[in-house]
Amino acid sequence: MKNKTMQEMNEQYKDCPVQVNTYEVDGTPCIVTSHFIGDKDINDVIMKYAENRAMNEMLGLVPSAVTA
């Protein structure tokens, strides 16, 4: 697989949606730019995350979620 230059990637993904958010971390503003290129199905990603989290909680590998 060829490593693409920044210009090539900009051209390839120019029509994809972009979201810009500003966050403050320890008093310093940070700008995060997200490029959505559509390679993954968000439903699949969330489902796998939820399954892994539940399994890890059952096995005691992470603390269980706190519910109020």
PDB file of N, CA and C in Angstrom:
ATOM      1  N   MET A   1       0.839  -1.183   0.000  1.00  0.00           N
ATOM      2  CA  MET A   1       0.000   0.000   0.000  1.00  0.00           C
ATOM      3  C   MET A   1       0.880   1.240   0.000  1.00  0.00           C
ATOM      4  N   LYS A   2       0.608   2.141  -0.920  1.00  0.00           N
ATOM      5  CA  LYS A   2       1.393   3.362  -1.067  1.00  0.00           C
ATOM      6  C   LYS A   2       1.026   4.376  -0.002  1.00  0.00           C
ATOM      7  N   ASN A   3       2.021   5.000   0.589  1.00  0.00           N
ATOM      8  CA  ASN A   3       1.749   6.097   1.521  1.00  0.00           C
ATOM      9  C   ASN A   3       1.333   7.311   0.720  1.00  0.00           C
ATOM     10  N   LYS A   4       0.198   7.886   1.072  1.00  0.00           N
ATOM     11  CA  LYS A   4      -0.325   9.031   0.343  1.00  0.00           C
ATOM     12  C   LYS A   4       0.191  10.326   0.949  1.00  0.00           C
ATOM     13  N   THR A   5       0.356  11.318   0.104  1.00  0.00           N
ATOM     14  CA  THR A   5       0.731  12.634   0.595  1.00  0.00           C
ATOM     15  C   THR A   5      -0.517  13.320   1.146  1.00  0.00           C
ATOM     16  N   MET A   6      -0.311  14.368   1.917  1.00  0.00           N
ATOM     17  CA  MET A   6      -1.426  15.114   2.484  1.00  0.00           C
ATOM     18  C   MET A   6      -2.291  15.696   1.366  1.00  0.00           C
ATOM     19  N   GLN A   7      -1.673  16.157   0.290  1.00  0.00           N
ATOM     20  CA  GLN A   7      -2.433  16.715  -0.828  1.00  0.00           C
ATOM     21  C   GLN A   7      -3.306  15.647  -1.478  1.00  0.00           C
ATOM     22  N   GLU A   8      -2.799  14.427  -1.624  1.00  0.00           N
ATOM     23  CA  GLU A   8      -3.582  13.337  -2.209  1.00  0.00           C
ATOM     24  C   GLU A   8      -4.770  12.978  -1.330  1.00  0.00           C
ATOM     25  N   MET A   9      -4.549  12.927  -0.021  1.00  0.00           N
ATOM     26  CA  MET A   9      -5.651  12.618   0.890  1.00  0.00           C
ATOM     27  C   MET A   9      -6.680  13.740   0.894  1.00  0.00           C
ATOM     28  N   ASN A  10      -6.230  14.996   0.856  1.00  0.00           N
ATOM     29  CA  ASN A  10      -7.166  16.122   0.789  1.00  0.00           C
ATOM     30  C   ASN A  10      -8.040  16.021  -0.448  1.00  0.00           C
ATOM     31  N   GLU A  11      -7.459  15.675  -1.570  1.00  0.00           N
ATOM     32  CA  GLU A  11      -8.221  15.544  -2.809  1.00  0.00           C
ATOM     33  C   GLU A  11      -9.199  14.369  -2.734  1.00  0.00           C
ATOM     34  N   GLN A  12      -8.740  13.244  -2.192  1.00  0.00           N
ATOM     35  CA  GLN A  12      -9.579  12.045  -2.117  1.00  0.00           C
ATOM     36  C   GLN A  12     -10.801  12.257  -1.229  1.00  0.00           C
ATOM     37  N   TYR A  13     -10.630  12.960  -0.112  1.00  0.00           N
ATOM     38  CA  TYR A  13     -11.705  13.093   0.869  1.00  0.00           C
ATOM     39  C   TYR A  13     -12.333  14.487   0.897  1.00  0.00           C
ATOM     40  N   LYS A  14     -12.154  15.285  -0.148  1.00  0.00           N
ATOM     41  CA  LYS A  14     -12.641  16.673  -0.147  1.00  0.00           C
ATOM     42  C   LYS A  14     -14.158  16.782  -0.034  1.00  0.00           C
ATOM     43  N   ASP A  15     -14.900  15.770  -0.482  1.00  0.00           N
ATOM     44  CA  ASP A  15     -16.356  15.834  -0.438  1.00  0.00           C
ATOM     45  C   ASP A  15     -16.956  15.201   0.820  1.00  0.00           C
ATOM     46  N   CYS A  16     -16.135  14.672   1.696  1.00  0.00           N
ATOM     47  CA  CYS A  16     -16.616  14.042   2.925  1.00  0.00           C
ATOM     48  C   CYS A  16     -16.904  15.102   3.986  1.00  0.00           C
ATOM     49  N   PRO A  17     -17.862  14.847   4.874  1.00  0.00           N
ATOM     50  CA  PRO A  17     -18.198  15.830   5.907  1.00  0.00           C
ATOM     51  C   PRO A  17     -17.054  16.045   6.897  1.00  0.00           C
ATOM     52  N   VAL A  18     -16.964  17.268   7.374  1.00  0.00           N
ATOM     53  CA  VAL A  18     -15.949  17.661   8.350  1.00  0.00           C
ATOM     54  C   VAL A  18     -16.653  18.350   9.507  1.00  0.00           C
ATOM     55  N   GLN A  19     -16.179  18.085  10.723  1.00  0.00           N
ATOM     56  CA  GLN A  19     -16.742  18.730  11.912  1.00  0.00           C
ATOM     57  C   GLN A  19     -15.595  19.317  12.716  1.00  0.00           C
ATOM     58  N   VAL A  20     -15.748  20.564  13.155  1.00  0.00           N
ATOM     59  CA  VAL A  20     -14.716  21.234  13.942  1.00  0.00           C
ATOM     60  C   VAL A  20     -15.305  21.569  15.301  1.00  0.00           C
ATOM     61  N   ASN A  21     -14.630  21.143  16.370  1.00  0.00           N
ATOM     62  CA  ASN A  21     -15.058  21.441  17.738  1.00  0.00           C
ATOM     63  C   ASN A  21     -13.902  22.081  18.489  1.00  0.00           C
ATOM     64  N   THR A  22     -14.221  22.983  19.395  1.00  0.00           N
ATOM     65  CA  THR A  22     -13.211  23.602  20.237  1.00  0.00           C
ATOM     66  C   THR A  22     -13.450  23.154  21.672  1.00  0.00           C
ATOM     67  N   TYR A  23     -12.397  22.649  22.295  1.00  0.00           N
ATOM     68  CA  TYR A  23     -12.456  22.201  23.684  1.00  0.00           C
ATOM     69  C   TYR A  23     -11.425  22.977  24.478  1.00  0.00           C
ATOM     70  N   GLU A  24     -11.663  23.103  25.777  1.00  0.00           N
ATOM     71  CA  GLU A  24     -10.695  23.762  26.635  1.00  0.00           C
ATOM     72  C   GLU A  24     -10.085  22.721  27.563  1.00  0.00           C
ATOM     73  N   VAL A  25      -8.770  22.609  27.505  1.00  0.00           N
ATOM     74  CA  VAL A  25      -8.043  21.653  28.334  1.00  0.00           C
ATOM     75  C   VAL A  25      -7.058  22.431  29.188  1.00  0.00           C
ATOM     76  N   ASP A  26      -7.255  22.395  30.492  1.00  0.00           N
ATOM     77  CA  ASP A  26      -6.403  23.127  31.432  1.00  0.00           C
ATOM     78  C   ASP A  26      -6.239  24.584  31.032  1.00  0.00           C
ATOM     79  N   GLY A  27      -7.334  25.216  30.604  1.00  0.00           N
ATOM     80  CA  GLY A  27      -7.311  26.619  30.253  1.00  0.00           C
ATOM     81  C   GLY A  27      -6.798  26.928  28.852  1.00  0.00           C
ATOM     82  N   THR A  28      -6.393  25.905  28.103  1.00  0.00           N
ATOM     83  CA  THR A  28      -5.879  26.098  26.750  1.00  0.00           C
ATOM     84  C   THR A  28      -6.916  25.631  25.741  1.00  0.00           C
ATOM     85  N   PRO A  29      -7.341  26.509  24.837  1.00  0.00           N
ATOM     86  CA  PRO A  29      -8.306  26.073  23.822  1.00  0.00           C
ATOM     87  C   PRO A  29      -7.650  25.123  22.818  1.00  0.00           C
ATOM     88  N   CYS A  30      -8.337  24.015  22.526  1.00  0.00           N
ATOM     89  CA  CYS A  30      -7.841  23.025  21.563  1.00  0.00           C
ATOM     90  C   CYS A  30      -8.900  22.850  20.481  1.00  0.00           C
ATOM     91  N   ILE A  31      -8.482  22.918  19.237  1.00  0.00           N
ATOM     92  CA  ILE A  31      -9.398  22.750  18.114  1.00  0.00           C
ATOM     93  C   ILE A  31      -9.214  21.351  17.551  1.00  0.00           C
ATOM     94  N   VAL A  32     -10.313  20.587  17.479  1.00  0.00           N
ATOM     95  CA  VAL A  32     -10.295  19.226  16.953  1.00  0.00           C
ATOM     96  C   VAL A  32     -11.097  19.207  15.661  1.00  0.00           C
ATOM     97  N   THR A  33     -10.454  18.775  14.583  1.00  0.00           N
ATOM     98  CA  THR A  33     -11.127  18.668  13.292  1.00  0.00           C
ATOM     99  C   THR A  33     -11.324  17.195  12.982  1.00  0.00           C
ATOM    100  N   SER A  34     -12.577  16.777  12.804  1.00  0.00           N
ATOM    101  CA  SER A  34     -12.911  15.384  12.501  1.00  0.00           C
ATOM    102  C   SER A  34     -13.314  15.276  11.042  1.00  0.00           C
ATOM    103  N   HIS A  35     -12.705  14.327  10.338  1.00  0.00           N
ATOM    104  CA  HIS A  35     -13.037  14.065   8.938  1.00  0.00           C
ATOM    105  C   HIS A  35     -13.760  12.731   8.878  1.00  0.00           C
ATOM    106  N   PHE A  36     -14.976  12.719   8.367  1.00  0.00           N
ATOM    107  CA  PHE A  36     -15.782  11.512   8.295  1.00  0.00           C
ATOM    108  C   PHE A  36     -15.701  10.947   6.881  1.00  0.00           C
ATOM    109  N   ILE A  37     -14.925   9.845   6.744  1.00  0.00           N
ATOM    110  CA  ILE A  37     -14.711   9.292   5.405  1.00  0.00           C
ATOM    111  C   ILE A  37     -15.608   8.100   5.127  1.00  0.00           C
ATOM    112  N   GLY A  38     -16.341   7.630   6.139  1.00  0.00           N
ATOM    113  CA  GLY A  38     -17.360   6.614   5.913  1.00  0.00           C
ATOM    114  C   GLY A  38     -16.866   5.206   5.705  1.00  0.00           C
ATOM    115  N   ASP A  39     -15.716   4.846   6.250  1.00  0.00           N
ATOM    116  CA  ASP A  39     -15.208   3.490   6.075  1.00  0.00           C
ATOM    117  C   ASP A  39     -15.814   2.484   7.049  1.00  0.00           C
ATOM    118  N   LYS A  40     -16.415   2.959   8.141  1.00  0.00           N
ATOM    119  CA  LYS A  40     -16.965   2.044   9.144  1.00  0.00           C
ATOM    120  C   LYS A  40     -18.443   2.330   9.374  1.00  0.00           C
ATOM    121  N   ASP A  41     -19.171   1.280   9.736  1.00  0.00           N
ATOM    122  CA  ASP A  41     -20.580   1.424  10.096  1.00  0.00           C
ATOM    123  C   ASP A  41     -20.627   1.694  11.596  1.00  0.00           C
ATOM    124  N   ILE A  42     -21.122   2.862  11.990  1.00  0.00           N
ATOM    125  CA  ILE A  42     -21.131   3.257  13.399  1.00  0.00           C
ATOM    126  C   ILE A  42     -21.901   2.268  14.259  1.00  0.00           C
ATOM    127  N   ASN A  43     -22.953   1.651  13.715  1.00  0.00           N
ATOM    128  CA  ASN A  43     -23.723   0.668  14.486  1.00  0.00           C
ATOM    129  C   ASN A  43     -22.860  -0.540  14.834  1.00  0.00           C
ATOM    130  N   ASP A  44     -22.049  -1.008  13.886  1.00  0.00           N
ATOM    131  CA  ASP A  44     -21.156  -2.138  14.151  1.00  0.00           C
ATOM    132  C   ASP A  44     -20.104  -1.773  15.194  1.00  0.00           C
ATOM    133  N   VAL A  45     -19.559  -0.576  15.090  1.00  0.00           N
ATOM    134  CA  VAL A  45     -18.523  -0.130  16.020  1.00  0.00           C
ATOM    135  C   VAL A  45     -19.076  -0.059  17.440  1.00  0.00           C
ATOM    136  N   ILE A  46     -20.256   0.538  17.602  1.00  0.00           N
ATOM    137  CA  ILE A  46     -20.853   0.668  18.936  1.00  0.00           C
ATOM    138  C   ILE A  46     -21.221  -0.698  19.501  1.00  0.00           C
ATOM    139  N   MET A  47     -21.752  -1.589  18.663  1.00  0.00           N
ATOM    140  CA  MET A  47     -22.126  -2.927  19.115  1.00  0.00           C
ATOM    141  C   MET A  47     -20.896  -3.700  19.602  1.00  0.00           C
ATOM    142  N   LYS A  48     -19.810  -3.657  18.859  1.00  0.00           N
ATOM    143  CA  LYS A  48     -18.588  -4.362  19.275  1.00  0.00           C
ATOM    144  C   LYS A  48     -18.039  -3.781  20.574  1.00  0.00           C
ATOM    145  N   TYR A  49     -18.065  -2.447  20.692  1.00  0.00           N
ATOM    146  CA  TYR A  49     -17.606  -1.817  21.919  1.00  0.00           C
ATOM    147  C   TYR A  49     -18.451  -2.270  23.111  1.00  0.00           C
ATOM    148  N   ALA A  50     -19.781  -2.263  22.938  1.00  0.00           N
ATOM    149  CA  ALA A  50     -20.687  -2.661  24.026  1.00  0.00           C
ATOM    150  C   ALA A  50     -20.473  -4.117  24.416  1.00  0.00           C
ATOM    151  N   GLU A  51     -20.311  -4.998  23.424  1.00  0.00           N
ATOM    152  CA  GLU A  51     -20.075  -6.419  23.713  1.00  0.00           C
ATOM    153  C   GLU A  51     -18.768  -6.610  24.467  1.00  0.00           C
ATOM    154  N   ASN A  52     -17.710  -5.936  24.015  1.00  0.00           N
ATOM    155  CA  ASN A  52     -16.413  -6.054  24.687  1.00  0.00           C
ATOM    156  C   ASN A  52     -16.474  -5.515  26.102  1.00  0.00           C
ATOM    157  N   ARG A  53     -17.143  -4.398  26.286  1.00  0.00           N
ATOM    158  CA  ARG A  53     -17.262  -3.806  27.616  1.00  0.00           C
ATOM    159  C   ARG A  53     -18.030  -4.734  28.555  1.00  0.00           C
ATOM    160  N   ALA A  54     -19.150  -5.289  28.081  1.00  0.00           N
ATOM    161  CA  ALA A  54     -19.954  -6.196  28.905  1.00  0.00           C
ATOM    162  C   ALA A  54     -19.157  -7.444  29.272  1.00  0.00           C
ATOM    163  N   MET A  55     -18.445  -8.015  28.315  1.00  0.00           N
ATOM    164  CA  MET A  55     -17.649  -9.214  28.587  1.00  0.00           C
ATOM    165  C   MET A  55     -16.551  -8.910  29.604  1.00  0.00           C
ATOM    166  N   ASN A  56     -15.875  -7.789  29.446  1.00  0.00           N
ATOM    167  CA  ASN A  56     -14.818  -7.417  30.379  1.00  0.00           C
ATOM    168  C   ASN A  56     -15.362  -7.169  31.775  1.00  0.00           C
ATOM    169  N   GLU A  57     -16.565  -6.593  31.869  1.00  0.00           N
ATOM    170  CA  GLU A  57     -17.174  -6.389  33.184  1.00  0.00           C
ATOM    171  C   GLU A  57     -17.521  -7.730  33.826  1.00  0.00           C
ATOM    172  N   MET A  58     -18.054  -8.674  33.031  1.00  0.00           N
ATOM    173  CA  MET A  58     -18.408  -9.990  33.586  1.00  0.00           C
ATOM    174  C   MET A  58     -17.170 -10.750  34.034  1.00  0.00           C
ATOM    175  N   LEU A  59     -16.059 -10.572  33.337  1.00  0.00           N
ATOM    176  CA  LEU A  59     -14.815 -11.258  33.697  1.00  0.00           C
ATOM    177  C   LEU A  59     -14.036 -10.515  34.782  1.00  0.00           C
ATOM    178  N   GLY A  60     -14.540  -9.353  35.181  1.00  0.00           N
ATOM    179  CA  GLY A  60     -13.881  -8.582  36.229  1.00  0.00           C
ATOM    180  C   GLY A  60     -12.642  -7.853  35.764  1.00  0.00           C
ATOM    181  N   LEU A  61     -12.508  -7.634  34.455  1.00  0.00           N
ATOM    182  CA  LEU A  61     -11.323  -6.961  33.932  1.00  0.00           C
ATOM    183  C   LEU A  61     -11.434  -5.446  34.024  1.00  0.00           C
ATOM    184  N   VAL A  62     -12.653  -4.911  34.114  1.00  0.00           N
ATOM    185  CA  VAL A  62     -12.889  -3.483  34.314  1.00  0.00           C
ATOM    186  C   VAL A  62     -13.993  -3.340  35.341  1.00  0.00           C
ATOM    187  N   PRO A  63     -14.019  -2.220  36.063  1.00  0.00           N
ATOM    188  CA  PRO A  63     -15.102  -2.033  37.030  1.00  0.00           C
ATOM    189  C   PRO A  63     -16.440  -1.957  36.323  1.00  0.00           C
ATOM    190  N   SER A  64     -17.473  -2.472  36.964  1.00  0.00           N
ATOM    191  CA  SER A  64     -18.810  -2.422  36.358  1.00  0.00           C
ATOM    192  C   SER A  64     -19.318  -0.993  36.388  1.00  0.00           C
ATOM    193  N   ALA A  65     -20.246  -0.707  35.496  1.00  0.00           N
ATOM    194  CA  ALA A  65     -20.811   0.642  35.385  1.00  0.00           C
ATOM    195  C   ALA A  65     -21.578   0.958  36.655  1.00  0.00           C
ATOM    196  N   VAL A  66     -21.498   2.199  37.089  1.00  0.00           N
ATOM    197  CA  VAL A  66     -22.224   2.654  38.271  1.00  0.00           C
ATOM    198  C   VAL A  66     -23.544   3.226  37.798  1.00  0.00           C
ATOM    199  N   THR A  67     -24.624   2.729  38.357  1.00  0.00           N
ATOM    200  CA  THR A  67     -25.949   3.250  38.019  1.00  0.00           C
ATOM    201  C   THR A  67     -26.572   3.850  39.269  1.00  0.00           C
ATOM    202  N   ALA A  68     -27.251   4.953  39.064  1.00  0.00           N
ATOM    203  CA  ALA A  68     -27.856   5.640  40.216  1.00  0.00           C
ATOM    204  C   ALA A  68     -29.351   5.449  40.215  1.00  0.00           C
TER     205      ALA A  68
END
